[in-house]
Amino acid sequence: MWGDDSSSAEKAGHLTYFPAPKPKLPGHEESYNPSPEYIPTQEEINLYPLM
């Protein structure tokens, strides 16, 4: 009753599971989105060398 007497045609009806490839996670630079108030304006960037 529990023996391996199933036919190969019965086993061929099942699909093989292949997991989807995992995407590469973004690094620090790509994942960091600061609020607009933390992004310096061009005017502030030009003042940095004067400090």
PDB file of N, CA and C in Angstrom:
ATOM      1  N   MET A   1       0.818  -1.196   0.000  1.00  0.00           N
ATOM      2  CA  MET A   1       0.000   0.000   0.000  1.00  0.00           C
ATOM      3  C   MET A   1       0.865   1.266   0.000  1.00  0.00           C
ATOM      4  N   TRP A   2       1.912   1.321   0.800  1.00  0.00           N
ATOM      5  CA  TRP A   2       2.733   2.523   0.889  1.00  0.00           C
ATOM      6  C   TRP A   2       4.022   2.403   0.084  1.00  0.00           C
ATOM      7  N   GLY A   3       4.133   1.401  -0.686  1.00  0.00           N
ATOM      8  CA  GLY A   3       5.342   1.192  -1.474  1.00  0.00           C
ATOM      9  C   GLY A   3       5.461   2.217  -2.597  1.00  0.00           C
ATOM     10  N   ASP A   4       6.584   2.228  -3.245  1.00  0.00           N
ATOM     11  CA  ASP A   4       6.830   3.170  -4.337  1.00  0.00           C
ATOM     12  C   ASP A   4       6.400   2.536  -5.655  1.00  0.00           C
ATOM     13  N   ASP A   5       5.086   2.360  -5.821  1.00  0.00           N
ATOM     14  CA  ASP A   5       4.578   1.763  -7.040  1.00  0.00           C
ATOM     15  C   ASP A   5       3.881   2.807  -7.929  1.00  0.00           C
ATOM     16  N   SER A   6       4.127   4.102  -7.660  1.00  0.00           N
ATOM     17  CA  SER A   6       3.517   5.132  -8.502  1.00  0.00           C
ATOM     18  C   SER A   6       4.256   5.185  -9.831  1.00  0.00           C
ATOM     19  N   SER A   7       3.526   5.453 -10.869  1.00  0.00           N
ATOM     20  CA  SER A   7       4.123   5.465 -12.199  1.00  0.00           C
ATOM     21  C   SER A   7       4.880   6.776 -12.433  1.00  0.00           C
ATOM     22  N   SER A   8       5.793   6.762 -13.376  1.00  0.00           N
ATOM     23  CA  SER A   8       6.577   7.958 -13.680  1.00  0.00           C
ATOM     24  C   SER A   8       5.697   9.026 -14.348  1.00  0.00           C
ATOM     25  N   ALA A   9       4.635   8.636 -15.023  1.00  0.00           N
ATOM     26  CA  ALA A   9       3.735   9.600 -15.654  1.00  0.00           C
ATOM     27  C   ALA A   9       3.008  10.410 -14.582  1.00  0.00           C
ATOM     28  N   GLU A  10       2.719   9.770 -13.459  1.00  0.00           N
ATOM     29  CA  GLU A  10       2.047  10.475 -12.373  1.00  0.00           C
ATOM     30  C   GLU A  10       2.985  11.513 -11.750  1.00  0.00           C
ATOM     31  N   LYS A  11       4.254  11.195 -11.627  1.00  0.00           N
ATOM     32  CA  LYS A  11       5.240  12.122 -11.070  1.00  0.00           C
ATOM     33  C   LYS A  11       5.555  13.253 -12.038  1.00  0.00           C
ATOM     34  N   ALA A  12       5.479  13.008 -13.332  1.00  0.00           N
ATOM     35  CA  ALA A  12       5.815  14.013 -14.332  1.00  0.00           C
ATOM     36  C   ALA A  12       4.778  15.130 -14.384  1.00  0.00           C
ATOM     37  N   GLY A  13       3.608  14.935 -13.801  1.00  0.00           N
ATOM     38  CA  GLY A  13       2.571  15.955 -13.828  1.00  0.00           C
ATOM     39  C   GLY A  13       2.833  17.105 -12.876  1.00  0.00           C
ATOM     40  N   HIS A  14       3.809  16.977 -11.985  1.00  0.00           N
ATOM     41  CA  HIS A  14       4.101  18.037 -11.016  1.00  0.00           C
ATOM     42  C   HIS A  14       5.176  18.971 -11.556  1.00  0.00           C
ATOM     43  N   LEU A  15       5.028  20.243 -11.242  1.00  0.00           N
ATOM     44  CA  LEU A  15       6.004  21.234 -11.674  1.00  0.00           C
ATOM     45  C   LEU A  15       7.122  21.348 -10.639  1.00  0.00           C
ATOM     46  N   THR A  16       8.298  21.625 -11.102  1.00  0.00           N
ATOM     47  CA  THR A  16       9.430  21.820 -10.217  1.00  0.00           C
ATOM     48  C   THR A  16       9.444  23.267  -9.757  1.00  0.00           C
ATOM     49  N   TYR A  17       9.709  23.478  -8.488  1.00  0.00           N
ATOM     50  CA  TYR A  17       9.739  24.825  -7.922  1.00  0.00           C
ATOM     51  C   TYR A  17      11.120  25.447  -8.109  1.00  0.00           C
ATOM     52  N   PHE A  18      11.160  26.599  -8.744  1.00  0.00           N
ATOM     53  CA  PHE A  18      12.386  27.373  -8.895  1.00  0.00           C
ATOM     54  C   PHE A  18      12.143  28.724  -8.239  1.00  0.00           C
ATOM     55  N   PRO A  19      12.871  29.070  -7.193  1.00  0.00           N
ATOM     56  CA  PRO A  19      12.665  30.365  -6.559  1.00  0.00           C
ATOM     57  C   PRO A  19      13.125  31.504  -7.475  1.00  0.00           C
ATOM     58  N   ALA A  20      12.455  32.625  -7.372  1.00  0.00           N
ATOM     59  CA  ALA A  20      12.815  33.786  -8.176  1.00  0.00           C
ATOM     60  C   ALA A  20      14.159  34.323  -7.694  1.00  0.00           C
ATOM     61  N   PRO A  21      14.979  34.842  -8.600  1.00  0.00           N
ATOM     62  CA  PRO A  21      16.256  35.398  -8.170  1.00  0.00           C
ATOM     63  C   PRO A  21      16.027  36.643  -7.314  1.00  0.00           C
ATOM     64  N   LYS A  22      16.829  36.770  -6.273  1.00  0.00           N
ATOM     65  CA  LYS A  22      16.689  37.913  -5.380  1.00  0.00           C
ATOM     66  C   LYS A  22      17.386  39.122  -5.992  1.00  0.00           C
ATOM     67  N   PRO A  23      16.727  40.286  -6.002  1.00  0.00           N
ATOM     68  CA  PRO A  23      17.374  41.471  -6.564  1.00  0.00           C
ATOM     69  C   PRO A  23      18.464  41.966  -5.619  1.00  0.00           C
ATOM     70  N   LYS A  24      19.462  42.628  -6.181  1.00  0.00           N
ATOM     71  CA  LYS A  24      20.537  43.197  -5.378  1.00  0.00           C
ATOM     72  C   LYS A  24      19.969  44.392  -4.620  1.00  0.00           C
ATOM     73  N   LEU A  25      20.181  44.424  -3.326  1.00  0.00           N
ATOM     74  CA  LEU A  25      19.678  45.513  -2.510  1.00  0.00           C
ATOM     75  C   LEU A  25      20.507  46.767  -2.748  1.00  0.00           C
ATOM     76  N   PRO A  26      19.870  47.941  -2.662  1.00  0.00           N
ATOM     77  CA  PRO A  26      20.635  49.163  -2.891  1.00  0.00           C
ATOM     78  C   PRO A  26      21.623  49.408  -1.759  1.00  0.00           C
ATOM     79  N   GLY A  27      22.708  50.056  -2.084  1.00  0.00           N
ATOM     80  CA  GLY A  27      23.696  50.423  -1.084  1.00  0.00           C
ATOM     81  C   GLY A  27      23.246  51.654  -0.315  1.00  0.00           C
ATOM     82  N   HIS A  28      24.138  52.185   0.486  1.00  0.00           N
ATOM     83  CA  HIS A  28      23.785  53.330   1.325  1.00  0.00           C
ATOM     84  C   HIS A  28      23.434  54.560   0.495  1.00  0.00           C
ATOM     85  N   GLU A  29      24.246  54.842  -0.505  1.00  0.00           N
ATOM     86  CA  GLU A  29      24.014  56.039  -1.309  1.00  0.00           C
ATOM     87  C   GLU A  29      22.691  55.982  -2.069  1.00  0.00           C
ATOM     88  N   GLU A  30      22.335  54.796  -2.574  1.00  0.00           N
ATOM     89  CA  GLU A  30      21.108  54.679  -3.355  1.00  0.00           C
ATOM     90  C   GLU A  30      19.861  54.652  -2.486  1.00  0.00           C
ATOM     91  N   SER A  31      19.991  54.237  -1.232  1.00  0.00           N
ATOM     92  CA  SER A  31      18.803  54.081  -0.403  1.00  0.00           C
ATOM     93  C   SER A  31      18.547  55.282   0.496  1.00  0.00           C
ATOM     94  N   TYR A  32      19.505  56.178   0.630  1.00  0.00           N
ATOM     95  CA  TYR A  32      19.333  57.333   1.515  1.00  0.00           C
ATOM     96  C   TYR A  32      18.694  58.482   0.758  1.00  0.00           C
ATOM     97  N   ASN A  33      17.510  58.866   1.159  1.00  0.00           N
ATOM     98  CA  ASN A  33      16.784  59.979   0.546  1.00  0.00           C
ATOM     99  C   ASN A  33      16.495  61.015   1.628  1.00  0.00           C
ATOM    100  N   PRO A  34      17.379  62.014   1.791  1.00  0.00           N
ATOM    101  CA  PRO A  34      17.160  63.001   2.848  1.00  0.00           C
ATOM    102  C   PRO A  34      15.988  63.929   2.527  1.00  0.00           C
ATOM    103  N   SER A  35      15.474  64.537   3.564  1.00  0.00           N
ATOM    104  CA  SER A  35      14.406  65.527   3.401  1.00  0.00           C
ATOM    105  C   SER A  35      14.970  66.748   2.674  1.00  0.00           C
ATOM    106  N   PRO A  36      14.131  67.482   1.956  1.00  0.00           N
ATOM    107  CA  PRO A  36      14.633  68.641   1.189  1.00  0.00           C
ATOM    108  C   PRO A  36      15.323  69.690   2.056  1.00  0.00           C
ATOM    109  N   GLU A  37      14.915  69.826   3.315  1.00  0.00           N
ATOM    110  CA  GLU A  37      15.556  70.849   4.155  1.00  0.00           C
ATOM    111  C   GLU A  37      16.995  70.499   4.513  1.00  0.00           C
ATOM    112  N   TYR A  38      17.396  69.235   4.336  1.00  0.00           N
ATOM    113  CA  TYR A  38      18.767  68.824   4.624  1.00  0.00           C
ATOM    114  C   TYR A  38      19.675  68.860   3.396  1.00  0.00           C
ATOM    115  N   ILE A  39      19.106  69.060   2.230  1.00  0.00           N
ATOM    116  CA  ILE A  39      19.901  69.137   1.007  1.00  0.00           C
ATOM    117  C   ILE A  39      20.362  70.587   0.838  1.00  0.00           C
ATOM    118  N   PRO A  40      21.675  70.819   0.798  1.00  0.00           N
ATOM    119  CA  PRO A  40      22.151  72.203   0.686  1.00  0.00           C
ATOM    120  C   PRO A  40      21.835  72.797  -0.682  1.00  0.00           C
ATOM    121  N   THR A  41      21.527  74.062  -0.682  1.00  0.00           N
ATOM    122  CA  THR A  41      21.285  74.768  -1.938  1.00  0.00           C
ATOM    123  C   THR A  41      22.634  75.096  -2.575  1.00  0.00           C
ATOM    124  N   GLN A  42      22.619  75.521  -3.813  1.00  0.00           N
ATOM    125  CA  GLN A  42      23.862  75.875  -4.499  1.00  0.00           C
ATOM    126  C   GLN A  42      24.535  77.049  -3.796  1.00  0.00           C
ATOM    127  N   GLU A  43      23.762  77.953  -3.258  1.00  0.00           N
ATOM    128  CA  GLU A  43      24.303  79.098  -2.523  1.00  0.00           C
ATOM    129  C   GLU A  43      25.078  78.633  -1.278  1.00  0.00           C
ATOM    130  N   GLU A  44      24.515  77.652  -0.569  1.00  0.00           N
ATOM    131  CA  GLU A  44      25.194  77.113   0.618  1.00  0.00           C
ATOM    132  C   GLU A  44      26.456  76.346   0.229  1.00  0.00           C
ATOM    133  N   ILE A  45      26.391  75.636  -0.886  1.00  0.00           N
ATOM    134  CA  ILE A  45      27.568  74.896  -1.347  1.00  0.00           C
ATOM    135  C   ILE A  45      28.693  75.862  -1.702  1.00  0.00           C
ATOM    136  N   ASN A  46      28.355  76.993  -2.288  1.00  0.00           N
ATOM    137  CA  ASN A  46      29.381  77.989  -2.654  1.00  0.00           C
ATOM    138  C   ASN A  46      29.983  78.647  -1.405  1.00  0.00           C
ATOM    139  N   LEU A  47      29.271  78.676  -0.290  1.00  0.00           N
ATOM    140  CA  LEU A  47      29.793  79.280   0.934  1.00  0.00           C
ATOM    141  C   LEU A  47      30.715  78.339   1.720  1.00  0.00           C
ATOM    142  N   TYR A  48      30.700  77.040   1.444  1.00  0.00           N
ATOM    143  CA  TYR A  48      31.515  76.090   2.182  1.00  0.00           C
ATOM    144  C   TYR A  48      33.025  76.423   2.130  1.00  0.00           C
ATOM    145  N   PRO A  49      33.584  76.739   0.967  1.00  0.00           N
ATOM    146  CA  PRO A  49      35.036  77.057   0.958  1.00  0.00           C
ATOM    147  C   PRO A  49      35.387  78.310   1.772  1.00  0.00           C
ATOM    148  N   LEU A  50      34.436  79.191   1.943  1.00  0.00           N
ATOM    149  CA  LEU A  50      34.694  80.427   2.691  1.00  0.00           C
ATOM    150  C   LEU A  50      34.667  80.197   4.202  1.00  0.00           C
ATOM    151  N   MET A  51      34.111  79.101   4.651  1.00  0.00           N
ATOM    152  CA  MET A  51      34.025  78.826   6.097  1.00  0.00           C
ATOM    153  C   MET A  51      35.351  78.380   6.647  1.00  0.00           C
TER     154      MET A  51
END
